Amino acid sequence: MRRMSTPEACRRHWLLAAAAAALTLPAQAAFPERAITLIVPFAPGGIADLTARAVAEQMARTLGQPMVVDNRPSAGSIVASQAVATARPDGHTLLLMTNANAVSVGLFRKLPYDPVKDFAPVGLIGSFDIGLFTAAGSRFATLGDALAFARAQPGKLNIGTITPGSTQHLSAKLFETVAGIEALVVPYKGSPALLTALRSGEVDLAFEVLGPMLPQVQAGVVRALAVSSGRRSPALPQVPTVQQAGVPGYDVASWNAIAAPAATPAAVVERLNRALREAVASGAAQERLQPLGVRLQAGAPAELQALLASEIKRWGAVIRAAKIEPE
């Protein structure tokens, strides 16, 4: 026969449940206990650094602790990524993850971490376009003009980019393939050298991140012929996409996100994700980043995981097609 619950038994059950809940509460409620370090794999002043600082400032307001940006530039983002992959998984050390993390899989024979398994995705911050630029006095008024020239004279169109293996460099190589042209892709040490080459006529076109080039466009020094992604950029609404300019199927965007070490508690990742979403939606972050061509777009951790996997596959294929030997 089933026994009825007594008031004393109910009271004991309630006390046990409350005690169990109390044991789990401090670890979650305490986060963050101290300042959070956001490690950025690029030098100060670039688009990734500016994005990280704008978002970190707003996240700190929500989390109630400072967020310190720590710049650790290196080839393939390896130094910064390894520092986070091996950090204590408590949410106090984060990585500004970018598409460089996906590209590095194909560029290096062996990484000291697994970009998929050794990180807990927090969420996407946003994406930004790469622009196709020409000098103000160029003979090419449109991207269509440049394509017509390349098809009429294979190998004669010179396209400048920064560092071999960079997103800009691989975007140019992908452009060659998708457009069905043969061009000479010339990598330079950095953006200043690339801009000098473009203005002097040393190269016909340049593939470069939109943000740093906007002042050059506004000053009338260079012209933007197209933007790389499938949508026009709010920063240059009059400029067509590469697809609209005559290259169907071409869609490239660089992106920034935040990741934590693998094994970071799910509750901590969730809190960081909520803070990230609030930061991206804030007027302050939008005011600072939209003029640089950043499309702010926070998402769920699973979405970032899927993006990373798809980007590793896509850029791996581009690297193999370009016959770039892994280091």
Protein backbone atom coordinates (compact mmCIF):
# COMPACT_ATOMS: atom_id res chain seq x y z
CA MET A 1 0.00 0.00 0.00
CA ARG A 2 1.35 3.47 -0.95
CA ARG A 3 2.32 5.62 2.03
CA MET A 4 1.17 9.22 2.23
CA SER A 5 3.88 11.88 2.40
CA THR A 6 4.12 13.41 5.84
CA PRO A 7 4.83 17.11 6.42
CA GLU A 8 8.20 16.14 7.92
CA ALA A 9 9.12 14.07 4.85
CA CYS A 10 8.16 16.94 2.55
CA ARG A 11 10.23 19.33 4.61
CA ARG A 12 13.27 17.02 4.43
CA HIS A 13 12.83 16.68 0.64
CA TRP A 14 12.65 20.45 0.23
CA LEU A 15 15.77 21.00 2.35
CA LEU A 16 17.75 18.41 0.36
CA ALA A 17 16.67 19.99 -2.95
CA ALA A 18 17.60 23.46 -1.72
CA ALA A 19 20.99 22.22 -0.53
CA ALA A 20 21.68 20.59 -3.89
CA ALA A 21 20.73 23.77 -5.74
CA ALA A 22 22.94 25.82 -3.44
CA LEU A 23 25.93 23.64 -4.29
CA THR A 24 25.57 24.39 -7.99
CA LEU A 25 24.76 28.08 -7.68
CA PRO A 26 28.09 29.65 -6.60
CA ALA A 27 30.11 28.46 -9.62
CA GLN A 28 27.59 29.91 -12.06
CA ALA A 29 26.67 33.03 -10.13
CA ALA A 30 30.33 33.92 -9.47
CA PHE A 31 31.25 34.23 -13.15
CA PRO A 32 33.01 36.39 -13.97
CA GLU A 33 35.10 36.56 -10.81
CA ARG A 34 37.75 38.89 -12.25
CA ALA A 35 38.76 40.69 -15.42
CA ILE A 36 38.36 38.77 -18.68
CA THR A 37 41.21 38.72 -21.20
CA LEU A 38 40.29 38.79 -24.88
CA ILE A 39 43.35 37.71 -26.87
CA VAL A 40 43.48 39.22 -30.36
CA PRO A 41 45.77 37.59 -32.96
CA PHE A 42 46.44 40.87 -34.77
CA ALA A 43 48.30 44.11 -34.07
CA PRO A 44 46.51 47.14 -32.58
CA GLY A 45 44.71 49.48 -34.95
CA GLY A 46 43.45 47.00 -37.53
CA ILE A 47 39.86 46.07 -38.22
CA ALA A 48 40.00 42.99 -35.95
CA ASP A 49 41.48 44.97 -33.07
CA LEU A 50 38.95 47.79 -33.43
CA THR A 51 36.10 45.28 -33.53
CA ALA A 52 37.41 43.47 -30.45
CA ARG A 53 37.74 46.67 -28.44
CA ALA A 54 34.30 48.00 -29.36
CA VAL A 55 32.59 44.73 -28.41
CA ALA A 56 34.72 44.12 -25.30
CA GLU A 57 33.81 47.53 -23.91
CA GLN A 58 30.10 46.77 -24.16
CA MET A 59 30.42 43.20 -22.88
CA ALA A 60 32.24 44.48 -19.80
CA ARG A 61 29.23 46.64 -18.95
CA THR A 62 26.94 43.63 -19.04
CA LEU A 63 29.28 41.24 -17.21
CA GLY A 64 30.30 43.69 -14.52
CA GLN A 65 34.03 43.04 -14.94
CA PRO A 66 36.67 44.67 -17.16
CA MET A 67 37.58 43.04 -20.46
CA VAL A 68 41.23 43.49 -21.35
CA VAL A 69 42.32 43.22 -24.99
CA ASP A 70 45.68 41.45 -25.34
CA ASN A 71 47.22 41.72 -28.84
CA ARG A 72 49.38 38.75 -29.86
CA PRO A 73 49.91 38.90 -33.63
CA SER A 74 51.50 35.97 -35.46
CA ALA A 75 51.27 34.03 -38.71
CA GLY A 76 48.05 32.06 -38.92
CA SER A 77 46.88 33.44 -35.55
CA ILE A 78 48.78 30.54 -33.97
CA VAL A 79 50.26 32.29 -30.91
CA ALA A 80 46.95 33.77 -29.74
CA SER A 81 44.99 30.63 -30.53
CA GLN A 82 47.38 28.35 -28.68
CA ALA A 83 47.31 30.64 -25.63
CA VAL A 84 43.53 30.31 -25.41
CA ALA A 85 43.40 26.61 -26.30
CA THR A 86 45.67 25.84 -23.33
CA ALA A 87 44.14 28.36 -20.91
CA ARG A 88 42.04 27.38 -17.91
CA PRO A 89 38.50 26.70 -19.24
CA ASP A 90 36.68 29.05 -16.89
CA GLY A 91 35.62 31.78 -19.32
CA HIS A 92 38.20 34.35 -18.19
CA THR A 93 40.44 33.89 -21.25
CA LEU A 94 38.84 34.29 -24.66
CA LEU A 95 39.98 34.33 -28.29
CA LEU A 96 39.00 36.71 -31.04
CA MET A 97 38.51 33.93 -33.57
CA THR A 98 38.57 34.88 -37.25
CA ASN A 99 38.53 33.19 -40.63
CA ALA A 100 42.34 33.05 -40.26
CA ASN A 101 41.69 30.14 -37.89
CA ALA A 102 39.96 28.32 -40.74
CA VAL A 103 42.58 29.28 -43.33
CA SER A 104 45.51 28.18 -41.13
CA VAL A 105 44.32 24.55 -41.24
CA GLY A 106 45.28 24.39 -44.92
CA LEU A 107 48.40 26.58 -44.64
CA PHE A 108 50.22 24.63 -41.93
CA ARG A 109 51.11 20.95 -41.88
CA LYS A 110 50.53 20.73 -38.15
CA LEU A 111 48.96 23.15 -35.69
CA PRO A 112 49.61 22.96 -31.93
CA TYR A 113 45.85 22.73 -31.36
CA ASP A 114 42.70 21.55 -33.13
CA PRO A 115 40.68 24.59 -34.28
CA VAL A 116 37.43 22.62 -34.00
CA LYS A 117 37.96 20.45 -30.92
CA ASP A 118 40.04 22.74 -28.69
CA PHE A 119 37.64 25.69 -28.55
CA ALA A 120 34.15 26.29 -27.25
CA PRO A 121 32.43 28.70 -29.67
CA VAL A 122 30.75 31.67 -27.96
CA GLY A 123 29.32 33.45 -30.98
CA LEU A 124 29.84 35.47 -34.12
CA ILE A 125 30.49 39.20 -33.84
CA GLY A 126 30.05 40.06 -37.49
CA SER A 127 31.51 39.98 -40.97
CA PHE A 128 33.16 42.48 -43.24
CA ASP A 129 33.70 42.73 -46.95
CA ILE A 130 36.81 42.68 -49.04
CA GLY A 131 36.76 45.30 -51.75
CA LEU A 132 38.12 45.19 -55.29
CA PHE A 133 39.83 48.53 -55.84
CA THR A 134 41.55 50.32 -58.69
CA ALA A 135 43.42 53.60 -58.92
CA ALA A 136 41.42 56.78 -59.51
CA GLY A 137 42.92 57.19 -62.98
CA SER A 138 42.65 53.53 -63.97
CA ARG A 139 41.57 52.48 -67.46
CA PHE A 140 38.99 50.20 -65.82
CA ALA A 141 35.76 52.02 -65.06
CA THR A 142 34.01 48.83 -63.93
CA LEU A 143 34.91 45.32 -62.87
CA GLY A 144 33.40 44.20 -66.16
CA ASP A 145 36.10 46.20 -67.97
CA ALA A 146 38.82 44.42 -65.98
CA LEU A 147 37.28 41.02 -66.70
CA ALA A 148 37.05 41.77 -70.42
CA PHE A 149 40.73 42.76 -70.44
CA ALA A 150 41.74 39.61 -68.52
CA ARG A 151 39.85 37.37 -70.93
CA ALA A 152 41.29 39.11 -74.00
CA GLN A 153 44.85 39.07 -72.66
CA PRO A 154 45.35 36.10 -70.29
CA GLY A 155 48.00 36.67 -67.62
CA LYS A 156 48.22 40.42 -68.20
CA LEU A 157 45.86 41.58 -65.41
CA ASN A 158 47.84 42.26 -62.23
CA ILE A 159 46.01 41.84 -58.91
CA GLY A 160 47.63 43.04 -55.70
CA THR A 161 46.96 41.63 -52.24
CA ILE A 162 48.70 41.49 -48.88
CA THR A 163 50.63 38.52 -47.47
CA PRO A 164 50.51 35.10 -49.20
CA GLY A 165 47.90 32.93 -47.49
CA SER A 166 45.97 35.92 -46.14
CA THR A 167 42.21 36.06 -46.68
CA GLN A 168 42.76 38.82 -49.23
CA HIS A 169 45.32 36.75 -51.15
CA LEU A 170 43.15 33.63 -51.16
CA SER A 171 40.10 35.69 -52.13
CA ALA A 172 41.99 36.89 -55.21
CA LYS A 173 42.97 33.31 -56.10
CA LEU A 174 39.35 32.20 -55.67
CA PHE A 175 38.28 35.13 -57.88
CA GLU A 176 40.58 33.85 -60.63
CA THR A 177 38.98 30.42 -60.45
CA VAL A 178 35.33 31.50 -60.25
CA ALA A 179 35.71 34.21 -62.91
CA GLY A 180 37.53 31.79 -65.21
CA ILE A 181 40.43 34.15 -65.87
CA GLU A 182 44.20 33.92 -65.74
CA ALA A 183 45.73 36.80 -63.77
CA LEU A 184 48.98 37.56 -61.97
CA VAL A 185 48.31 37.78 -58.21
CA VAL A 186 51.06 39.80 -56.51
CA PRO A 187 51.28 39.71 -52.69
CA TYR A 188 52.79 42.65 -50.76
CA LYS A 189 54.06 42.87 -47.18
CA GLY A 190 51.19 45.00 -45.96
CA SER A 191 48.41 47.45 -46.79
CA PRO A 192 50.63 50.56 -47.19
CA ALA A 193 52.82 48.80 -49.77
CA LEU A 194 49.75 47.50 -51.57
CA LEU A 195 48.18 50.96 -51.71
CA THR A 196 51.40 52.44 -53.10
CA ALA A 197 51.51 49.76 -55.80
CA LEU A 198 47.89 50.41 -56.74
CA ARG A 199 48.27 54.19 -56.92
CA SER A 200 51.45 53.94 -59.01
CA GLY A 201 49.87 51.55 -61.50
CA GLU A 202 52.15 48.67 -60.53
CA VAL A 203 48.99 46.56 -60.11
CA ASP A 204 45.65 46.99 -61.86
CA LEU A 205 43.40 45.83 -59.03
CA ALA A 206 43.76 45.35 -55.30
CA PHE A 207 41.88 43.02 -52.97
CA GLU A 208 41.78 44.58 -49.53
CA VAL A 209 39.54 44.77 -46.48
CA LEU A 210 36.98 47.51 -47.00
CA GLY A 211 37.39 49.42 -43.73
CA PRO A 212 40.99 50.65 -44.11
CA MET A 213 40.39 51.60 -47.75
CA LEU A 214 37.28 53.71 -47.19
CA PRO A 215 39.25 56.91 -46.46
CA GLN A 216 41.14 56.40 -49.73
CA VAL A 217 37.85 56.05 -51.60
CA GLN A 218 36.39 59.12 -49.89
CA ALA A 219 39.53 61.11 -50.75
CA GLY A 220 39.18 60.14 -54.41
CA VAL A 221 42.55 58.37 -54.47
CA VAL A 222 41.13 54.95 -55.39
CA ARG A 223 37.82 53.64 -56.69
CA ALA A 224 35.89 50.64 -55.45
CA LEU A 225 34.75 48.44 -58.33
CA ALA A 226 32.96 45.77 -56.30
CA VAL A 227 32.59 44.18 -52.87
CA SER A 228 33.20 40.52 -52.21
CA SER A 229 30.13 39.30 -50.34
CA GLY A 230 26.69 38.49 -51.72
CA ARG A 231 25.20 41.74 -50.43
CA ARG A 232 26.14 45.36 -51.07
CA SER A 233 27.99 47.05 -48.25
CA PRO A 234 26.11 49.73 -46.27
CA ALA A 235 29.37 51.70 -46.29
CA LEU A 236 29.39 51.77 -50.12
CA PRO A 237 25.79 51.19 -51.20
CA GLN A 238 26.44 52.41 -54.74
CA VAL A 239 29.15 49.77 -55.34
CA PRO A 240 27.94 46.43 -56.79
CA THR A 241 28.85 43.01 -55.49
CA VAL A 242 31.23 40.85 -57.51
CA GLN A 243 28.24 38.71 -58.47
CA GLN A 244 26.32 41.76 -59.71
CA ALA A 245 29.42 42.85 -61.64
CA GLY A 246 29.51 39.64 -63.65
CA VAL A 247 30.96 36.79 -61.58
CA PRO A 248 28.09 34.51 -60.45
CA GLY A 249 28.79 32.34 -57.44
CA TYR A 250 31.52 34.50 -55.90
CA ASP A 251 30.73 35.27 -52.26
CA VAL A 252 33.50 35.95 -49.74
CA ALA A 253 33.37 37.71 -46.39
CA SER A 254 35.87 37.86 -43.59
CA TRP A 255 34.51 37.40 -40.08
CA ASN A 256 35.26 37.86 -36.39
CA ALA A 257 33.91 35.84 -33.48
CA ILE A 258 34.64 34.94 -29.87
CA ALA A 259 35.65 31.52 -28.60
CA ALA A 260 36.64 30.09 -25.23
CA PRO A 261 38.79 27.06 -24.37
CA ALA A 262 37.12 23.68 -24.83
CA ALA A 263 35.51 22.33 -21.64
CA THR A 264 34.35 25.80 -20.58
CA PRO A 265 31.09 25.17 -18.65
CA ALA A 266 27.96 25.52 -20.77
CA ALA A 267 26.48 28.02 -18.32
CA VAL A 268 29.54 30.27 -18.69
CA VAL A 269 29.42 30.04 -22.50
CA GLU A 270 25.72 30.91 -22.40
CA ARG A 271 26.35 33.97 -20.24
CA LEU A 272 29.15 35.13 -22.51
CA ASN A 273 26.90 34.63 -25.53
CA ARG A 274 24.14 36.74 -23.98
CA ALA A 275 26.65 39.50 -23.20
CA LEU A 276 28.00 39.30 -26.75
CA ARG A 277 24.52 39.57 -28.26
CA GLU A 278 23.80 42.64 -26.14
CA ALA A 279 27.12 44.19 -27.13
CA VAL A 280 26.55 43.64 -30.85
CA ALA A 281 23.04 45.09 -30.59
CA SER A 282 24.21 48.17 -28.70
CA GLY A 283 24.10 51.53 -30.40
CA ALA A 284 27.64 52.29 -29.24
CA ALA A 285 29.16 49.28 -31.01
CA GLN A 286 27.14 49.88 -34.16
CA GLU A 287 28.14 53.54 -34.25
CA ARG A 288 31.82 52.63 -34.04
CA LEU A 289 31.91 49.64 -36.38
CA GLN A 290 29.36 50.16 -39.14
CA PRO A 291 31.35 53.07 -40.69
CA LEU A 292 34.25 50.60 -41.01
CA GLY A 293 32.12 48.26 -43.08
CA VAL A 294 31.51 45.71 -40.31
CA ARG A 295 28.17 43.89 -40.52
CA LEU A 296 27.35 43.20 -36.88
CA GLN A 297 25.66 39.82 -36.59
CA ALA A 298 25.70 37.91 -33.30
CA GLY A 299 24.62 34.30 -33.32
CA ALA A 300 24.44 31.10 -31.30
CA PRO A 301 27.53 29.00 -30.46
CA ALA A 302 26.33 26.19 -32.74
CA GLU A 303 26.16 28.60 -35.68
CA LEU A 304 29.79 29.61 -35.17
CA GLN A 305 30.80 25.94 -34.95
CA ALA A 306 29.10 25.25 -38.29
CA LEU A 307 30.66 28.34 -39.89
CA LEU A 308 34.15 27.35 -38.79
CA ALA A 309 33.77 23.82 -40.18
CA SER A 310 32.46 25.08 -43.53
CA GLU A 311 35.20 27.72 -43.84
CA ILE A 312 37.94 25.15 -43.13
CA LYS A 313 36.58 23.04 -45.97
CA ARG A 314 36.15 25.95 -48.39
CA TRP A 315 39.57 27.58 -47.86
CA GLY A 316 41.31 24.22 -47.84
CA ALA A 317 40.04 23.66 -51.37
CA VAL A 318 41.19 27.15 -52.45
CA ILE A 319 44.67 26.58 -50.99
CA ARG A 320 45.01 23.25 -52.82
CA ALA A 321 43.79 24.78 -56.08
CA ALA A 322 46.28 27.62 -55.71
CA LYS A 323 49.03 25.03 -55.13
CA ILE A 324 50.17 26.71 -51.93
CA GLU A 325 52.43 24.29 -50.06
CA PRO A 326 51.67 24.03 -46.32
CA GLU A 327 54.46 25.23 -44.04
